[in-house]
Structure formats: C-alpha cells, structure tokens
C-alpha atoms as a PDB file:
ATOM      1  CA  UNK A   1      18.738   0.190   5.152  1.00  0.00           C
ATOM      2  CA  UNK A   2      18.574   3.017   2.833  1.00  0.00           C
ATOM      3  CA  UNK A   3      15.666   2.549   1.005  1.00  0.00           C
ATOM      4  CA  UNK A   4      12.972   4.946  -0.032  1.00  0.00           C
ATOM      5  CA  UNK A   5       9.409   4.968  -0.513  1.00  0.00           C
ATOM      6  CA  UNK A   6       7.812   6.613  -4.145  1.00  0.00           C
ATOM      7  CA  UNK A   7       5.339   8.571  -2.226  1.00  0.00           C
ATOM      8  CA  UNK A   8       5.740  11.518  -0.122  1.00  0.00           C
ATOM      9  CA  UNK A   9       4.873  15.000   0.384  1.00  0.00           C
ATOM     10  CA  UNK A  10       6.491  17.965   1.436  1.00  0.00           C
ATOM     11  CA  UNK A  11       5.330  22.023   1.655  1.00  0.00           C
ATOM     12  CA  UNK A  12       7.941  24.452   1.826  1.00  0.00           C
ATOM     13  CA  UNK A  13       7.394  28.782   1.906  1.00  0.00           C
ATOM     14  CA  UNK A  14       9.485  31.472   2.010  1.00  0.00           C
ATOM     15  CA  UNK A  15       9.839  35.728   1.837  1.00  0.00           C
ATOM     16  CA  UNK A  16      11.782  37.836   0.599  1.00  0.00           C
ATOM     17  CA  UNK A  17      10.869  41.657   0.933  1.00  0.00           C
ATOM     18  CA  UNK A  18       7.220  42.004  -0.643  1.00  0.00           C
ATOM     19  CA  UNK A  19       7.474  38.994  -2.386  1.00  0.00           C
ATOM     20  CA  UNK A  20       5.824  36.007  -0.250  1.00  0.00           C
ATOM     21  CA  UNK A  21       5.706  32.023  -2.074  1.00  0.00           C
ATOM     22  CA  UNK A  22       5.044  28.424  -1.321  1.00  0.00           C
ATOM     23  CA  UNK A  23       6.192  25.386  -2.912  1.00  0.00           C
ATOM     24  CA  UNK A  24       4.448  21.717  -3.067  1.00  0.00           C
ATOM     25  CA  UNK A  25       5.630  18.280  -3.789  1.00  0.00           C
ATOM     26  CA  UNK A  26       4.321  15.086  -4.362  1.00  0.00           C
ATOM     27  CA  UNK A  27       4.913  12.029  -5.362  1.00  0.00           C
ATOM     28  CA  UNK A  28       3.432   9.245  -6.112  1.00  0.00           C
ATOM     29  CA  UNK A  29       4.420   5.309  -7.656  1.00  0.00           C
ATOM     30  CA  UNK A  30       5.367   4.901 -11.176  1.00  0.00           C
ATOM     31  CA  UNK A  31       7.603   3.177 -13.286  1.00  0.00           C
ATOM     32  CA  UNK A  32       9.898   5.339 -13.812  1.00  0.00           C
ATOM     33  CA  UNK A  33      10.638   8.997 -13.244  1.00  0.00           C
ATOM     34  CA  UNK A  34       7.430  11.492 -14.441  1.00  0.00           C
ATOM     35  CA  UNK A  35       8.391  15.206 -12.889  1.00  0.00           C
ATOM     36  CA  UNK A  36       5.673  17.269 -13.730  1.00  0.00           C
ATOM     37  CA  UNK A  37       6.086  21.498 -12.927  1.00  0.00           C
ATOM     38  CA  UNK A  38       4.168  24.124 -12.424  1.00  0.00           C
ATOM     39  CA  UNK A  39       5.276  28.091 -12.372  1.00  0.00           C
ATOM     40  CA  UNK A  40       3.928  31.605 -12.604  1.00  0.00           C
ATOM     41  CA  UNK A  41       4.009  32.991 -15.561  1.00  0.00           C
ATOM     42  CA  UNK A  42       6.137  35.992 -14.302  1.00  0.00           C
ATOM     43  CA  UNK A  43       8.780  32.695 -13.599  1.00  0.00           C
ATOM     44  CA  UNK A  44       9.395  30.730 -16.903  1.00  0.00           C
ATOM     45  CA  UNK A  45      12.511  31.743 -16.438  1.00  0.00           C
ATOM     46  CA  UNK A  46      13.567  28.687 -13.763  1.00  0.00           C
ATOM     47  CA  UNK A  47      11.316  25.816 -15.173  1.00  0.00           C
ATOM     48  CA  UNK A  48      14.644  24.449 -16.966  1.00  0.00           C
ATOM     49  CA  UNK A  49      17.154  24.701 -13.611  1.00  0.00           C
ATOM     50  CA  UNK A  50      14.248  23.500 -11.315  1.00  0.00           C
ATOM     51  CA  UNK A  51      13.475  21.128 -13.523  1.00  0.00           C
ATOM     52  CA  UNK A  52      17.006  19.696 -13.423  1.00  0.00           C
ATOM     53  CA  UNK A  53      17.403  19.519  -9.614  1.00  0.00           C
ATOM     54  CA  UNK A  54      13.840  17.811  -9.133  1.00  0.00           C
ATOM     55  CA  UNK A  55      15.680  15.548 -11.759  1.00  0.00           C
ATOM     56  CA  UNK A  56      18.667  14.720  -9.952  1.00  0.00           C
ATOM     57  CA  UNK A  57      17.463  14.505  -6.804  1.00  0.00           C
ATOM     58  CA  UNK A  58      14.641  11.988  -7.567  1.00  0.00           C
ATOM     59  CA  UNK A  59      14.906   8.358 -10.040  1.00  0.00           C
ATOM     60  CA  UNK A  60      11.116   7.123  -9.570  1.00  0.00           C
ATOM     61  CA  UNK A  61       8.133   7.909  -9.225  1.00  0.00           C
ATOM     62  CA  UNK A  62       4.928  10.524 -10.652  1.00  0.00           C
ATOM     63  CA  UNK A  63       6.279  13.444  -9.158  1.00  0.00           C
ATOM     64  CA  UNK A  64       4.206  16.989  -9.038  1.00  0.00           C
ATOM     65  CA  UNK A  65       5.652  20.201  -8.330  1.00  0.00           C
ATOM     66  CA  UNK A  66       3.742  23.497  -7.700  1.00  0.00           C
ATOM     67  CA  UNK A  67       4.896  26.748  -7.467  1.00  0.00           C
ATOM     68  CA  UNK A  68       2.643  30.029  -6.143  1.00  0.00           C
ATOM     69  CA  UNK A  69       3.622  33.020  -5.575  1.00  0.00           C
ATOM     70  CA  UNK A  70       1.964  36.491  -4.345  1.00  0.00           C
ATOM     71  CA  UNK A  71       3.163  40.084  -3.948  1.00  0.00           C
ATOM     72  CA  UNK A  72       1.823  42.187  -0.198  1.00  0.00           C
ATOM     73  CA  UNK A  73       2.264  44.928  -1.799  1.00  0.00           C
ATOM     74  CA  UNK A  74       4.617  46.188  -5.253  1.00  0.00           C
ATOM     75  CA  UNK A  75       5.855  49.916  -4.818  1.00  0.00           C
ATOM     76  CA  UNK A  76       3.977  52.162  -7.536  1.00  0.00           C
ATOM     77  CA  UNK A  77       4.714  55.372  -9.052  1.00  0.00           C
ATOM     78  CA  UNK A  78       3.299  58.395 -10.049  1.00  0.00           C
ATOM     79  CA  UNK A  79       3.246  59.884 -13.213  1.00  0.00           C
ATOM     80  CA  UNK A  80       2.101  63.236 -13.932  1.00  0.00           C
ATOM     81  CA  UNK A  81       1.595  64.554 -17.136  1.00  0.00           C
ATOM     82  CA  UNK A  82       3.596  67.500 -16.856  1.00  0.00           C
ATOM     83  CA  UNK A  83       3.201  68.908 -20.003  1.00  0.00           C
ATOM     84  CA  UNK A  84      -0.558  68.684 -20.564  1.00  0.00           C
ATOM     85  CA  UNK A  85      -1.294  70.063 -17.097  1.00  0.00           C
ATOM     86  CA  UNK A  86       1.087  73.339 -17.961  1.00  0.00           C
ATOM     87  CA  UNK A  87      -0.536  73.633 -20.999  1.00  0.00           C
ATOM     88  CA  UNK A  88      -3.925  73.095 -19.342  1.00  0.00           C
ATOM     89  CA  UNK A  89      -2.885  76.148 -16.636  1.00  0.00           C
ATOM     90  CA  UNK A  90      -2.202  78.657 -19.068  1.00  0.00           C
ATOM     91  CA  UNK A  91      -5.236  78.044 -20.923  1.00  0.00           C
ATOM     92  CA  UNK A  92      -7.338  78.228 -17.799  1.00  0.00           C
ATOM     93  CA  UNK A  93      -5.469  81.150 -16.743  1.00  0.00           C
ATOM     94  CA  UNK A  94      -6.617  83.323 -20.154  1.00  0.00           C
ATOM     95  CA  UNK A  95     -10.152  82.119 -19.790  1.00  0.00           C
ATOM     96  CA  UNK A  96     -12.758  84.481 -18.541  1.00  0.00           C
ATOM     97  CA  UNK A  97     -13.860  82.842 -15.168  1.00  0.00           C
ATOM     98  CA  UNK A  98     -17.668  83.465 -15.351  1.00  0.00           C
ATOM     99  CA  UNK A  99     -20.314  84.447 -12.856  1.00  0.00           C
ATOM    100  CA  UNK A 100     -20.410  81.354  -9.671  1.00  0.00           C
ATOM    101  CA  UNK A 101     -17.648  79.247 -10.959  1.00  0.00           C
ATOM    102  CA  UNK A 102     -14.722  78.812  -9.192  1.00  0.00           C
ATOM    103  CA  UNK A 103     -11.600  78.934  -9.918  1.00  0.00           C
ATOM    104  CA  UNK A 104      -9.940  75.355 -11.876  1.00  0.00           C
ATOM    105  CA  UNK A 105      -8.028  73.701  -8.747  1.00  0.00           C
ATOM    106  CA  UNK A 106      -5.215  71.831  -8.674  1.00  0.00           C
ATOM    107  CA  UNK A 107      -6.794  68.528  -7.516  1.00  0.00           C
ATOM    108  CA  UNK A 108      -9.428  68.817 -10.185  1.00  0.00           C
ATOM    109  CA  UNK A 109      -6.976  69.046 -12.977  1.00  0.00           C
ATOM    110  CA  UNK A 110      -5.016  65.896 -12.014  1.00  0.00           C
ATOM    111  CA  UNK A 111      -8.434  63.818 -11.809  1.00  0.00           C
ATOM    112  CA  UNK A 112      -9.048  64.837 -15.721  1.00  0.00           C
ATOM    113  CA  UNK A 113      -7.770  61.589 -17.933  1.00  0.00           C
ATOM    114  CA  UNK A 114      -4.599  61.277 -18.627  1.00  0.00           C
ATOM    115  CA  UNK A 115      -2.908  63.931 -16.251  1.00  0.00           C
ATOM    116  CA  UNK A 116      -1.931  60.976 -13.731  1.00  0.00           C
ATOM    117  CA  UNK A 117      -0.712  57.138 -14.675  1.00  0.00           C
ATOM    118  CA  UNK A 118       0.162  55.147 -11.562  1.00  0.00           C
ATOM    119  CA  UNK A 119       2.275  52.383 -12.471  1.00  0.00           C
ATOM    120  CA  UNK A 120       4.325  49.505 -10.514  1.00  0.00           C
ATOM    121  CA  UNK A 121       8.028  49.964 -10.693  1.00  0.00           C
ATOM    122  CA  UNK A 122       9.416  46.983 -12.531  1.00  0.00           C
ATOM    123  CA  UNK A 123      12.482  45.237 -10.484  1.00  0.00           C
ATOM    124  CA  UNK A 124      15.623  45.388 -11.301  1.00  0.00           C
ATOM    125  CA  UNK A 125      17.654  42.356 -12.907  1.00  0.00           C
ATOM    126  CA  UNK A 126      19.502  42.327  -9.707  1.00  0.00           C
ATOM    127  CA  UNK A 127      16.374  41.845  -7.895  1.00  0.00           C
ATOM    128  CA  UNK A 128      14.875  39.512  -9.811  1.00  0.00           C
ATOM    129  CA  UNK A 129      18.057  36.899 -10.205  1.00  0.00           C
ATOM    130  CA  UNK A 130      18.308  37.400  -6.135  1.00  0.00           C
ATOM    131  CA  UNK A 131      14.623  36.129  -6.555  1.00  0.00           C
ATOM    132  CA  UNK A 132      14.957  33.528  -8.666  1.00  0.00           C
ATOM    133  CA  UNK A 133      17.929  32.226  -6.334  1.00  0.00           C
ATOM    134  CA  UNK A 134      16.045  32.166  -3.028  1.00  0.00           C
ATOM    135  CA  UNK A 135      12.968  30.432  -5.038  1.00  0.00           C
ATOM    136  CA  UNK A 136      15.106  27.459  -6.660  1.00  0.00           C
ATOM    137  CA  UNK A 137      17.076  27.573  -3.087  1.00  0.00           C
ATOM    138  CA  UNK A 138      13.430  27.246  -1.171  1.00  0.00           C
ATOM    139  CA  UNK A 139      12.622  24.489  -4.128  1.00  0.00           C
ATOM    140  CA  UNK A 140      15.833  22.050  -2.874  1.00  0.00           C
ATOM    141  CA  UNK A 141      15.203  22.242   0.651  1.00  0.00           C
ATOM    142  CA  UNK A 142      11.357  21.172  -0.108  1.00  0.00           C
ATOM    143  CA  UNK A 143      12.816  18.442  -2.224  1.00  0.00           C
ATOM    144  CA  UNK A 144      15.068  17.692   1.130  1.00  0.00           C
ATOM    145  CA  UNK A 145      11.631  18.299   2.913  1.00  0.00           C
ATOM    146  CA  UNK A 146      10.436  15.343   0.043  1.00  0.00           C
ATOM    147  CA  UNK A 147      13.177  12.838   0.458  1.00  0.00           C
ATOM    148  CA  UNK A 148      13.395  12.310   4.279  1.00  0.00           C
ATOM    149  CA  UNK A 149       9.600  10.916   3.868  1.00  0.00           C
ATOM    150  CA  UNK A 150      10.193   9.460   1.439  1.00  0.00           C
ATOM    151  CA  UNK A 151      13.381   7.948   3.530  1.00  0.00           C
ATOM    152  CA  UNK A 152      11.362   6.976   7.332  1.00  0.00           C
ATOM    153  CA  UNK A 153       8.197   5.715   4.909  1.00  0.00           C
ATOM    154  CA  UNK A 154      10.649   3.237   2.975  1.00  0.00           C
ATOM    155  CA  UNK A 155      12.614   2.065   6.262  1.00  0.00           C
ATOM    156  CA  UNK A 156       9.395   1.386   7.279  1.00  0.00           C
ATOM    157  CA  UNK A 157       8.824  -0.907   4.168  1.00  0.00           C
ATOM    158  CA  UNK A 158      12.141  -2.155   4.639  1.00  0.00           C
ATOM    159  CA  UNK A 159      11.163  -3.989   7.853  1.00  0.00           C
ATOM    160  CA  UNK A 160       8.615  -5.195   5.921  1.00  0.00           C
ATOM    161  CA  UNK A 161      10.243  -6.718   3.289  1.00  0.00           C
ATOM    162  CA  UNK A 162      12.561  -8.099   4.878  1.00  0.00           C
ATOM    163  CA  UNK A 163      10.140 -10.054   6.927  1.00  0.00           C
ATOM    164  CA  UNK A 164       8.707 -11.001   3.790  1.00  0.00           C
ATOM    165  CA  UNK A 165      12.277 -12.567   2.901  1.00  0.00           C
ATOM    166  CA  UNK A 166      12.524 -14.085   5.561  1.00  0.00           C
ATOM    167  CA  UNK A 167       9.579 -15.869   5.780  1.00  0.00           C
ATOM    168  CA  UNK A 168      10.377 -17.034   1.989  1.00  0.00           C
ATOM    169  CA  UNK A 169      13.584 -18.575   3.386  1.00  0.00           C
ATOM    170  CA  UNK A 170      11.670 -20.731   5.744  1.00  0.00           C
ATOM    171  CA  UNK A 171       9.083 -21.169   4.043  1.00  0.00           C
ATOM    172  CA  UNK A 172      11.609 -22.634   0.798  1.00  0.00           C
ATOM    173  CA  UNK A 173      13.686 -24.479   4.251  1.00  0.00           C
ATOM    174  CA  UNK A 174      10.532 -26.292   4.943  1.00  0.00           C
ATOM    175  CA  UNK A 175       9.619 -27.399   0.725  1.00  0.00           C
ATOM    176  CA  UNK A 176      13.768 -28.473   1.015  1.00  0.00           C
ATOM    177  CA  UNK A 177      13.196 -30.453   4.021  1.00  0.00           C
ATOM    178  CA  UNK A 178       9.626 -31.464   3.422  1.00  0.00           C
ATOM    179  CA  UNK A 179       9.255 -35.491   4.511  1.00  0.00           C
ATOM    180  CA  UNK A 180       7.721 -35.790   0.619  1.00  0.00           C
ATOM    181  CA  UNK A 181      11.238 -35.066  -0.699  1.00  0.00           C
ATOM    182  CA  UNK A 182      13.277 -37.832   1.427  1.00  0.00           C
ATOM    183  CA  UNK A 183      14.659 -41.235  -0.865  1.00  0.00           C
ATOM    184  CA  UNK A 184      12.473 -43.568   1.238  1.00  0.00           C
ATOM    185  CA  UNK A 185       8.953 -41.506   0.395  1.00  0.00           C
ATOM    186  CA  UNK A 186       9.704 -40.709  -2.938  1.00  0.00           C
ATOM    187  CA  UNK A 187      10.694 -44.981  -3.276  1.00  0.00           C
ATOM    188  CA  UNK A 188       7.456 -45.066  -1.675  1.00  0.00           C
ATOM    189  CA  UNK A 189       5.224 -43.401  -4.310  1.00  0.00           C
ATOM    190  CA  UNK A 190       6.945 -45.076  -7.039  1.00  0.00           C
ATOM    191  CA  UNK A 191       5.952 -48.185  -6.059  1.00  0.00           C
ATOM    192  CA  UNK A 192       2.936 -47.183  -5.937  1.00  0.00           C
ATOM    193  CA  UNK A 193       2.901 -45.853  -8.901  1.00  0.00           C
ATOM    194  CA  UNK A 194       4.026 -48.674 -10.621  1.00  0.00           C
ATOM    195  CA  UNK A 195       2.061 -51.406  -9.268  1.00  0.00           C
ATOM    196  CA  UNK A 196      -1.103 -49.319 -10.043  1.00  0.00           C
ATOM    197  CA  UNK A 197      -0.583 -48.907 -13.487  1.00  0.00           C
ATOM    198  CA  UNK A 198       0.600 -52.975 -13.647  1.00  0.00           C
ATOM    199  CA  UNK A 199      -2.651 -53.806 -12.319  1.00  0.00           C
ATOM    200  CA  UNK A 200      -4.710 -51.077 -14.817  1.00  0.00           C
ATOM    201  CA  UNK A 201      -2.786 -52.027 -17.662  1.00  0.00           C
ATOM    202  CA  UNK A 202      -2.879 -55.167 -19.265  1.00  0.00           C
ATOM    203  CA  UNK A 203      -0.069 -56.055 -21.942  1.00  0.00           C
ATOM    204  CA  UNK A 204       2.405 -53.711 -20.570  1.00  0.00           C
ATOM    205  CA  UNK A 205       6.029 -54.096 -20.437  1.00  0.00           C
ATOM    206  CA  UNK A 206       6.692 -53.928 -16.487  1.00  0.00           C
ATOM    207  CA  UNK A 207      10.265 -52.251 -17.147  1.00  0.00           C
ATOM    208  CA  UNK A 208       8.310 -49.689 -18.790  1.00  0.00           C
ATOM    209  CA  UNK A 209       6.547 -48.754 -16.381  1.00  0.00           C
ATOM    210  CA  UNK A 210       9.333 -48.579 -14.332  1.00  0.00           C
ATOM    211  CA  UNK A 211      11.344 -46.733 -16.609  1.00  0.00           C
ATOM    212  CA  UNK A 212       8.421 -44.447 -17.086  1.00  0.00           C
ATOM    213  CA  UNK A 213       7.161 -43.850 -12.806  1.00  0.00           C
ATOM    214  CA  UNK A 214      10.819 -43.161 -13.078  1.00  0.00           C
ATOM    215  CA  UNK A 215      10.641 -40.250 -15.346  1.00  0.00           C
ATOM    216  CA  UNK A 216       7.337 -38.903 -14.064  1.00  0.00           C
ATOM    217  CA  UNK A 217       9.541 -38.462 -10.399  1.00  0.00           C
ATOM    218  CA  UNK A 218      12.709 -36.781 -12.470  1.00  0.00           C
ATOM    219  CA  UNK A 219      10.060 -34.066 -13.441  1.00  0.00           C
ATOM    220  CA  UNK A 220       8.336 -34.182 -10.662  1.00  0.00           C
ATOM    221  CA  UNK A 221      11.213 -32.897  -8.494  1.00  0.00           C
ATOM    222  CA  UNK A 222      11.722 -29.449  -7.310  1.00  0.00           C
ATOM    223  CA  UNK A 223      15.940 -29.321  -6.172  1.00  0.00           C
ATOM    224  CA  UNK A 224      16.357 -26.869  -8.787  1.00  0.00           C
ATOM    225  CA  UNK A 225      13.259 -24.183  -7.876  1.00  0.00           C
ATOM    226  CA  UNK A 226      14.473 -24.136  -4.435  1.00  0.00           C
ATOM    227  CA  UNK A 227      18.086 -23.541  -5.348  1.00  0.00           C
ATOM    228  CA  UNK A 228      16.752 -20.843  -7.397  1.00  0.00           C
ATOM    229  CA  UNK A 229      14.892 -19.563  -4.816  1.00  0.00           C
ATOM    230  CA  UNK A 230      18.015 -19.952  -1.812  1.00  0.00           C
ATOM    231  CA  UNK A 231      19.523 -17.750  -4.365  1.00  0.00           C
ATOM    232  CA  UNK A 232      16.807 -15.214  -4.957  1.00  0.00           C
ATOM    233  CA  UNK A 233      16.633 -14.787  -0.983  1.00  0.00           C
ATOM    234  CA  UNK A 234      20.018 -14.526  -0.792  1.00  0.00           C
ATOM    235  CA  UNK A 235      20.366 -11.406  -3.664  1.00  0.00           C
ATOM    236  CA  UNK A 236      17.500  -9.936  -2.266  1.00  0.00           C
ATOM    237  CA  UNK A 237      19.434  -9.632   1.371  1.00  0.00           C
ATOM    238  CA  UNK A 238      21.600  -7.929  -0.937  1.00  0.00           C
ATOM    239  CA  UNK A 239      19.639  -5.773  -1.990  1.00  0.00           C
ATOM    240  CA  UNK A 240      17.408  -4.169   0.664  1.00  0.00           C
ATOM    241  CA  UNK A 241      21.491  -3.538   1.999  1.00  0.00           C
ATOM    242  CA  UNK A 242      22.097  -1.138  -1.321  1.00  0.00           C
ATOM    243  CA  UNK A 243      22.655   2.075  -0.665  1.00  0.00           C
ATOM    244  CA  UNK A 244      21.267   2.811  -4.703  1.00  0.00           C
ATOM    245  CA  UNK A 245      17.627   2.651  -5.916  1.00  0.00           C
ATOM    246  CA  UNK A 246      16.510  -0.521  -6.171  1.00  0.00           C
ATOM    247  CA  UNK A 247      13.184  -0.260  -6.786  1.00  0.00           C
ATOM    248  CA  UNK A 248      13.000  -2.338 -10.222  1.00  0.00           C
ATOM    249  CA  UNK A 249      15.497  -5.032  -9.311  1.00  0.00           C
ATOM    250  CA  UNK A 250      13.185  -5.578  -6.168  1.00  0.00           C
ATOM    251  CA  UNK A 251      10.501  -6.311  -8.539  1.00  0.00           C
ATOM    252  CA  UNK A 252      11.734  -7.663 -11.110  1.00  0.00           C
ATOM    253  CA  UNK A 253      13.135 -10.619  -8.242  1.00  0.00           C
ATOM    254  CA  UNK A 254       9.528 -10.424  -6.732  1.00  0.00           C
ATOM    255  CA  UNK A 255       8.711 -11.802 -10.325  1.00  0.00           C
ATOM    256  CA  UNK A 256      11.556 -14.725 -10.110  1.00  0.00           C
ATOM    257  CA  UNK A 257      10.037 -15.606  -6.918  1.00  0.00           C
ATOM    258  CA  UNK A 258       6.413 -15.954  -8.520  1.00  0.00           C
ATOM    259  CA  UNK A 259       7.743 -17.994 -11.404  1.00  0.00           C
ATOM    260  CA  UNK A 260       9.278 -20.169  -9.131  1.00  0.00           C
ATOM    261  CA  UNK A 261       6.909 -20.783  -6.672  1.00  0.00           C
ATOM    262  CA  UNK A 262       4.075 -21.337  -9.349  1.00  0.00           C
ATOM    263  CA  UNK A 263       6.503 -24.322 -10.983  1.00  0.00           C
ATOM    264  CA  UNK A 264       6.936 -25.851  -7.332  1.00  0.00           C
ATOM    265  CA  UNK A 265       3.200 -25.589  -6.940  1.00  0.00           C
ATOM    266  CA  UNK A 266       2.952 -27.190 -10.399  1.00  0.00           C
ATOM    267  CA  UNK A 267       5.366 -30.011  -9.842  1.00  0.00           C
ATOM    268  CA  UNK A 268       4.288 -31.110  -5.975  1.00  0.00           C
ATOM    269  CA  UNK A 269       3.431 -34.213  -5.447  1.00  0.00           C
ATOM    270  CA  UNK A 270       2.214 -33.936  -2.349  1.00  0.00           C
ATOM    271  CA  UNK A 271       0.183 -32.193  -0.253  1.00  0.00           C
ATOM    272  CA  UNK A 272       1.917 -30.823   2.264  1.00  0.00           C
ATOM    273  CA  UNK A 273       4.682 -29.286  -0.547  1.00  0.00           C
ATOM    274  CA  UNK A 274       1.660 -27.895  -1.604  1.00  0.00           C
ATOM    275  CA  UNK A 275      -0.176 -25.923   1.342  1.00  0.00           C
ATOM    276  CA  UNK A 276       3.747 -24.718   1.549  1.00  0.00           C
ATOM    277  CA  UNK A 277       3.741 -23.273  -2.468  1.00  0.00           C
ATOM    278  CA  UNK A 278       0.468 -22.016  -1.799  1.00  0.00           C
ATOM    279  CA  UNK A 279       1.622 -20.124   1.355  1.00  0.00           C
ATOM    280  CA  UNK A 280       4.853 -18.966  -0.559  1.00  0.00           C
ATOM    281  CA  UNK A 281       3.263 -17.023  -3.529  1.00  0.00           C
ATOM    282  CA  UNK A 282       0.793 -15.518  -1.239  1.00  0.00           C
ATOM    283  CA  UNK A 283       4.283 -14.183   0.554  1.00  0.00           C
ATOM    284  CA  UNK A 284       5.358 -13.208  -3.095  1.00  0.00           C
ATOM    285  CA  UNK A 285       2.184 -11.719  -4.063  1.00  0.00           C
ATOM    286  CA  UNK A 286       2.516  -9.233  -0.349  1.00  0.00           C
ATOM    287  CA  UNK A 287       6.508  -9.030  -0.843  1.00  0.00           C
ATOM    288  CA  UNK A 288       6.214  -7.908  -4.619  1.00  0.00           C
ATOM    289  CA  UNK A 289       3.415  -5.202  -3.848  1.00  0.00           C
ATOM    290  CA  UNK A 290       5.243  -3.466  -1.482  1.00  0.00           C
ATOM    291  CA  UNK A 291       8.043  -3.254  -3.803  1.00  0.00           C
ATOM    292  CA  UNK A 292       6.276  -1.610  -5.815  1.00  0.00           C
ATOM    293  CA  UNK A 293       6.493   1.282  -3.836  1.00  0.00           C
ATOM    294  CA  UNK A 294      10.400   1.560  -3.964  1.00  0.00           C
ATOM    295  CA  UNK A 295      12.349   4.113  -5.981  1.00  0.00           C
END
C-alpha cells in the first residue's frame, strides 16, 4: 500500500564554506495544499523555486517550511583612506613638535575617524549561485525525509483503514444474512401488523390494511442500502492499493458509508438489525477520522 499521511516533520542541516543553515518542514492535516515558506531576507531569490518544489512533491496538507542561515565568519577587507593619511602626515611633518609631546605615530593616525574602514567582502555572483543551488538541494533532501515519514505513517494508517473496511464488510454481510430479513420473518411481521391494525381499527377494509402493511414492508426493505454498502467496500479496497493520493476520495467514500448506515438504522424494524446498524455507524465514523489524515 502506498498511502501517505498528511502529518510529518523533517530537519536537514547543511554547510558550504563559512555558511551554515537548517531547513525545517512540518505538515499537518488540511483540505488542500497550504504551503508557507519563511527564508531570511538575503535569500529571497530562492523563494519562488522553493515553493515550486514543495508544490511538486506535496499534494495535500498545511505545510510550513523555514530556512535559518548563519555565517561563521564573513571575510573582511580593510580599506585605508590613503589620500587623507598622506595629507595628514605631510601636515604633521610641517608642524613644530611642542616640548613634552612625542611625535605622531602611525597607529594613532589610523585610529582617527574616517582613516580606516572594515567591511565584509561581498560574495561574487558565482559563489551566491552555488550557495543558492546547494540550499535548494537541501530543501529537496528535507522534502525526501518528510515524505518518507509521511509514508511510514501512511502505512500504519493503511493497516488501520483496511481493518475498518473489513469490519464494515463483515457487518454488512451480517445485516444481509440477518434472520429478520428472511422471507418467513418478514411474512410473520406483516401478519402481526395486519392483525394489530384489524383489531384496533373499526370499519377499515382488511384488504386495504394488507396493502398498507405491504407498503410499509417495502419501505423498510434495506436491499438497496446493503448493495451500496457492498459496492462502497469494494471501492475502498481498490483505493487502498492506489498509487495516487486518495485522501479526498476516501473521505467522500466514508461520508457515503455513513449515509447508507444511517438509512439502514432508520429502516431497521428489528433489534438485531438496529444493533448491526449502530455498530456500522461506529466503525464508519472511525474510518472517516482516519481517512481525514490521508494525503
């Protein structure tokens, strides 16, 4: 079975040169795909491609992806205002040195405001493109890990769903074979109905009473509901083996299961059938809860 859960988490770290980063991705249930991405302002250039890669790999779920980037020690460049320094040196050389004052030192002159600037060396375009490509590659690694986790949870859900479906199949068969649905049992109930109506109704035509009893029995027949339940079970078994995302279809099918079970309970005119119908509703509700976590 290839079902995938919509719940998952992945964390991937990477490095290139003096850059360090971490990708974190978390997904939870959602009706569709709601992908949200957070990257540092300096890396806005990868946002469009990152979103596209997430959309290609995920079909359902609320997804939150975040990139955290840190630079260990950016290379720096020291820029000396040589023109100003030379002018200052020439000026100092022309000035007489007062008594008790030592000559100007180079380090003292360099400490003056505006003489020295320390700036980070900007990465060239090639280095930036390499960094961005590596970040996107690590996003793919994070998505791989996320999908792997969703697949493991999906396998566990598939086992649980299969058990629910087989139990629904057993209950449907039990309802189909319930003694209350046997012709003799139906005939006996009809006779009791006609007899009760005949005793408590004055002036009513017995033939009309018999006709009304037959009509009530026809309305209480659950053959169509049972046939649809059998068909839904067959459809669910096929979905569990599908290679495509089937979460929406399973959710819809669970609603259809519930509709038939509710009608069966409403029509049931026997305690045994009512009990089967109620157990069906419990199993179907649990099936629906589990199906809502399938991608």
